[in-house]
Amino acid sequence: MKRVLLEPWRRWDVEYYEYIAGRGYQRNDGTLQFHPLYPLLGRVASFLFTGNVTAGLLFISSVSCLLFLLVFVRLSEMDLPQDDSGRAATLLLHAPMAFILFAPYSESLFLLLSALTFLMARRGRWWIAAAAGGLATLTRQQGIFLMLPVVWELWESCGRDMSKLLKRWSSIASVLLIPASLLGWLAYRGLTFGDIVFDAYNPRTWVYGLLISRDATQTAVRRRARERIIGLE
């Protein structure tokens, strides 16, 4: 049963999530390009399945997808009638690639945290919004861009009045949780593995030295080697 239900999922990025959950990050094996929250949660959830990490990752993805749909509906109801909000969630779930939300990848967790960031920002719950944004950043590097809509919602809530915005120093401070999450992850990579390379005169390092680990090239090499092996078989 395990072979039928779990083995087909153990491909591509899933193998790296399993490596991270099982033995942590290592230098030059491709794992450092993956942010830590999803494999960490998969590791924790694996104890529900006698230590099977693949099952734990599937569990986290499936639960995250269901919670994301609930948050998505609540967010949609702020701008749409209730029936239309439910219909939007149904259509989203029937998209051709929606199956990936239940697969052992980080997309559903990232969408859940991103939608929660938007919902809490719309409700004026700035610390919760920023915390969700910070967790999203620890799931995928794109989470850093959630800082922009949170700042915008905060600006709108102040009536676009700079004097009012400056008086809400606590709310402004909360937004810093999002970049702080990324900085914490970068500090771990840099101090533990020396993985941070940044050259102000080389824009390539702005991405591969910060948002994406230079270790990402190892992933591409390993994938091409695997494809050659499969082709020979």
Protein backbone atom coordinates (compact mmCIF):
# COMPACT_ATOMS: atom_id res chain seq x y z
CA MET A 1 0.00 0.00 0.00
CA LYS A 2 2.82 2.41 0.85
CA ARG A 3 4.42 1.75 -2.53
CA VAL A 4 1.17 2.53 -4.35
CA LEU A 5 0.17 5.64 -2.36
CA LEU A 6 3.49 7.28 -1.54
CA GLU A 7 6.24 6.21 -3.93
CA PRO A 8 4.78 7.97 -7.01
CA TRP A 9 5.15 11.30 -5.17
CA ARG A 10 8.83 10.83 -4.35
CA ARG A 11 10.14 12.80 -7.31
CA TRP A 12 11.89 16.11 -7.97
CA ASP A 13 11.65 18.58 -5.07
CA VAL A 14 10.00 16.04 -2.79
CA GLU A 15 13.30 14.20 -2.46
CA TYR A 16 14.99 17.37 -1.26
CA TYR A 17 12.24 18.06 1.27
CA GLU A 18 12.78 14.53 2.56
CA TYR A 19 16.53 15.08 2.81
CA ILE A 20 16.00 18.27 4.81
CA ALA A 21 13.38 16.72 7.09
CA GLY A 22 15.52 13.65 7.69
CA ARG A 23 19.03 15.02 8.12
CA GLY A 24 18.86 18.79 7.85
CA TYR A 25 20.69 21.02 5.39
CA GLN A 26 23.99 20.11 3.83
CA ARG A 27 26.45 22.07 1.74
CA ASN A 28 26.58 21.40 -2.02
CA ASP A 29 23.70 18.94 -2.21
CA GLY A 30 21.00 21.32 -3.46
CA THR A 31 19.05 21.52 -0.20
CA LEU A 32 19.95 25.12 0.69
CA GLN A 33 17.73 26.56 -2.02
CA PHE A 34 14.64 25.28 -0.17
CA HIS A 35 13.25 27.33 2.69
CA PRO A 36 12.79 25.52 6.00
CA LEU A 37 9.17 25.78 7.15
CA TYR A 38 7.56 23.16 4.90
CA PRO A 39 10.09 20.34 5.47
CA LEU A 40 10.10 21.16 9.20
CA LEU A 41 6.32 20.79 9.41
CA GLY A 42 6.55 17.63 7.30
CA ARG A 43 9.05 16.24 9.79
CA VAL A 44 6.73 16.99 12.70
CA ALA A 45 3.71 15.52 10.90
CA SER A 46 5.67 12.37 10.01
CA PHE A 47 5.36 11.23 13.64
CA LEU A 48 1.66 10.70 12.93
CA PHE A 49 2.67 8.16 10.27
CA THR A 50 5.36 6.15 12.09
CA GLY A 51 8.07 8.50 10.89
CA ASN A 52 7.21 8.42 7.18
CA VAL A 53 8.25 11.86 5.94
CA THR A 54 6.50 11.57 2.56
CA ALA A 55 3.19 10.91 4.33
CA GLY A 56 3.91 13.83 6.65
CA LEU A 57 4.53 16.17 3.71
CA LEU A 58 1.31 15.00 2.03
CA PHE A 59 -0.58 15.60 5.26
CA ILE A 60 0.73 19.15 5.61
CA SER A 61 -0.07 19.96 1.98
CA SER A 62 -3.59 18.54 2.15
CA VAL A 63 -4.49 20.27 5.41
CA SER A 64 -2.94 23.52 4.15
CA CYS A 65 -5.01 23.31 0.95
CA LEU A 66 -8.26 22.87 2.86
CA LEU A 67 -7.42 25.74 5.21
CA PHE A 68 -6.39 27.89 2.26
CA LEU A 69 -9.80 27.39 0.63
CA LEU A 70 -11.51 28.49 3.85
CA VAL A 71 -9.33 31.60 4.13
CA PHE A 72 -9.75 32.29 0.41
CA VAL A 73 -13.54 32.27 0.78
CA ARG A 74 -13.37 34.63 3.77
CA LEU A 75 -11.09 36.94 1.82
CA SER A 76 -13.34 36.83 -1.25
CA GLU A 77 -16.41 37.65 0.85
CA MET A 78 -14.89 41.05 1.59
CA ASP A 79 -15.40 42.00 -2.06
CA LEU A 80 -17.90 39.48 -3.46
CA PRO A 81 -21.31 38.08 -2.49
CA GLN A 82 -21.18 34.87 -0.46
CA ASP A 83 -22.33 32.67 -3.34
CA ASP A 84 -19.71 34.12 -5.67
CA SER A 85 -17.00 33.58 -3.06
CA GLY A 86 -17.85 29.90 -2.76
CA ARG A 87 -18.01 29.61 -6.55
CA ALA A 88 -14.57 31.21 -6.86
CA ALA A 89 -13.11 28.61 -4.49
CA THR A 90 -14.77 25.80 -6.44
CA LEU A 91 -13.40 27.09 -9.74
CA LEU A 92 -9.95 27.42 -8.22
CA LEU A 93 -10.08 23.83 -7.05
CA HIS A 94 -11.06 22.67 -10.55
CA ALA A 95 -8.14 24.39 -12.27
CA PRO A 96 -6.05 21.93 -14.34
CA MET A 97 -3.03 22.17 -12.03
CA ALA A 98 -4.96 22.29 -8.75
CA PHE A 99 -3.87 18.76 -7.90
CA ILE A 100 -0.48 20.23 -6.95
CA LEU A 101 -2.16 21.75 -3.89
CA PHE A 102 -2.56 18.24 -2.45
CA ALA A 103 0.88 17.04 -3.58
CA PRO A 104 3.89 17.06 -1.23
CA TYR A 105 5.10 20.47 -2.37
CA SER A 106 5.14 23.81 -0.59
CA GLU A 107 2.57 25.57 -2.83
CA SER A 108 -0.50 24.98 -0.65
CA LEU A 109 1.25 26.06 2.56
CA PHE A 110 2.55 29.17 0.83
CA LEU A 111 -0.91 30.01 -0.54
CA LEU A 112 -2.48 29.50 2.88
CA LEU A 113 -0.04 31.85 4.58
CA SER A 114 -0.25 34.41 1.74
CA ALA A 115 -4.06 34.45 1.81
CA LEU A 116 -3.97 34.74 5.60
CA THR A 117 -1.61 37.70 5.27
CA PHE A 118 -4.07 39.47 2.95
CA LEU A 119 -7.09 38.63 5.10
CA MET A 120 -5.53 39.82 8.36
CA ALA A 121 -4.22 42.99 6.69
CA ARG A 122 -7.69 43.76 5.35
CA ARG A 123 -9.04 43.32 8.88
CA GLY A 124 -6.36 45.54 10.39
CA ARG A 125 -4.72 42.71 12.35
CA TRP A 126 -1.23 43.87 11.49
CA TRP A 127 0.85 41.66 13.75
CA ILE A 128 -0.97 38.52 12.65
CA ALA A 129 -0.72 39.60 9.01
CA ALA A 130 3.00 40.21 9.32
CA ALA A 131 3.56 36.94 11.20
CA ALA A 132 1.77 35.05 8.43
CA GLY A 133 3.87 36.92 5.87
CA GLY A 134 7.03 36.03 7.76
CA LEU A 135 6.07 32.35 7.81
CA ALA A 136 5.29 32.55 4.09
CA THR A 137 8.81 33.91 3.57
CA LEU A 138 10.18 30.92 5.45
CA THR A 139 8.22 28.72 3.06
CA ARG A 140 9.20 30.30 -0.26
CA GLN A 141 11.44 33.27 -1.04
CA GLN A 142 8.59 35.02 -2.87
CA GLY A 143 7.00 35.65 0.53
CA ILE A 144 9.20 38.73 0.95
CA PHE A 145 6.98 40.53 -1.57
CA LEU A 146 3.98 40.19 0.77
CA MET A 147 5.42 43.15 2.62
CA LEU A 148 4.20 45.40 -0.20
CA PRO A 149 0.44 44.74 0.09
CA VAL A 150 0.64 44.84 3.89
CA VAL A 151 2.28 48.27 3.74
CA TRP A 152 -0.30 49.38 1.20
CA GLU A 153 -3.23 48.24 3.38
CA LEU A 154 -1.68 50.02 6.35
CA TRP A 155 -1.33 53.18 4.25
CA GLU A 156 -4.97 52.88 3.15
CA SER A 157 -6.16 52.34 6.73
CA CYS A 158 -4.55 55.67 7.63
CA GLY A 159 -6.47 57.44 4.90
CA ARG A 160 -3.22 57.94 2.99
CA ASP A 161 -2.21 60.44 5.64
CA MET A 162 1.50 60.30 6.47
CA SER A 163 1.06 61.98 9.85
CA LYS A 164 -1.45 59.32 10.93
CA LEU A 165 0.78 56.56 9.61
CA LEU A 166 3.79 57.76 11.59
CA LYS A 167 1.73 57.73 14.80
CA ARG A 168 1.06 54.01 14.34
CA TRP A 169 4.62 52.98 15.03
CA SER A 170 3.57 49.60 16.46
CA SER A 171 1.78 48.65 13.23
CA ILE A 172 4.75 49.81 11.19
CA ALA A 173 7.09 47.76 13.35
CA SER A 174 4.97 44.65 12.82
CA VAL A 175 5.62 44.76 9.07
CA LEU A 176 9.32 44.25 9.77
CA LEU A 177 8.57 40.64 10.74
CA ILE A 178 8.45 39.78 7.04
CA PRO A 179 11.95 40.95 6.04
CA ALA A 180 13.25 39.79 9.43
CA SER A 181 12.23 36.24 8.52
CA LEU A 182 14.21 36.38 5.31
CA LEU A 183 17.20 37.97 7.05
CA GLY A 184 17.12 35.22 9.67
CA TRP A 185 17.16 32.55 6.99
CA LEU A 186 19.98 34.31 5.14
CA ALA A 187 21.96 34.62 8.38
CA TYR A 188 21.60 30.88 8.98
CA ARG A 189 22.76 30.06 5.45
CA GLY A 190 25.63 32.51 5.62
CA LEU A 191 26.94 31.75 9.10
CA THR A 192 26.47 27.97 8.94
CA PHE A 193 27.34 27.21 5.34
CA GLY A 194 28.94 30.35 3.91
CA ASP A 195 26.28 30.23 1.21
CA ILE A 196 25.74 34.00 0.85
CA VAL A 197 27.50 35.70 -2.04
CA PHE A 198 26.60 39.29 -2.84
CA ASP A 199 28.26 41.70 -5.23
CA ALA A 200 26.58 45.08 -5.69
CA TYR A 201 28.10 45.32 -9.17
CA ASN A 202 26.82 41.92 -10.26
CA PRO A 203 22.98 41.82 -10.40
CA ARG A 204 23.07 38.05 -10.79
CA THR A 205 24.19 37.73 -7.18
CA TRP A 206 21.19 39.77 -6.05
CA VAL A 207 19.07 36.75 -6.90
CA TYR A 208 21.39 33.74 -6.67
CA GLY A 209 23.27 35.10 -3.69
CA LEU A 210 20.24 36.15 -1.67
CA LEU A 211 16.78 35.02 -2.78
CA ILE A 212 18.02 31.79 -4.35
CA SER A 213 20.97 29.83 -3.06
CA ARG A 214 23.91 29.31 -5.43
CA ASP A 215 23.43 25.70 -4.36
CA ALA A 216 20.47 25.65 -6.78
CA THR A 217 22.85 24.74 -9.59
CA GLN A 218 23.45 21.41 -7.87
CA THR A 219 19.76 20.61 -8.18
CA ALA A 220 19.80 21.16 -11.93
CA VAL A 221 22.90 18.98 -12.33
CA ARG A 222 21.37 16.17 -10.29
CA ARG A 223 18.13 16.33 -12.25
CA ARG A 224 19.91 16.11 -15.60
CA ALA A 225 21.93 13.14 -14.36
CA ARG A 226 18.75 11.42 -13.18
CA GLU A 227 17.07 12.04 -16.52
CA ARG A 228 20.05 10.48 -18.35
CA ILE A 229 19.86 7.44 -16.11
CA ILE A 230 16.12 7.08 -16.73
CA GLY A 231 16.74 7.46 -20.46
CA LEU A 232 19.31 4.66 -20.40
CA GLU A 233 16.93 2.40 -18.57
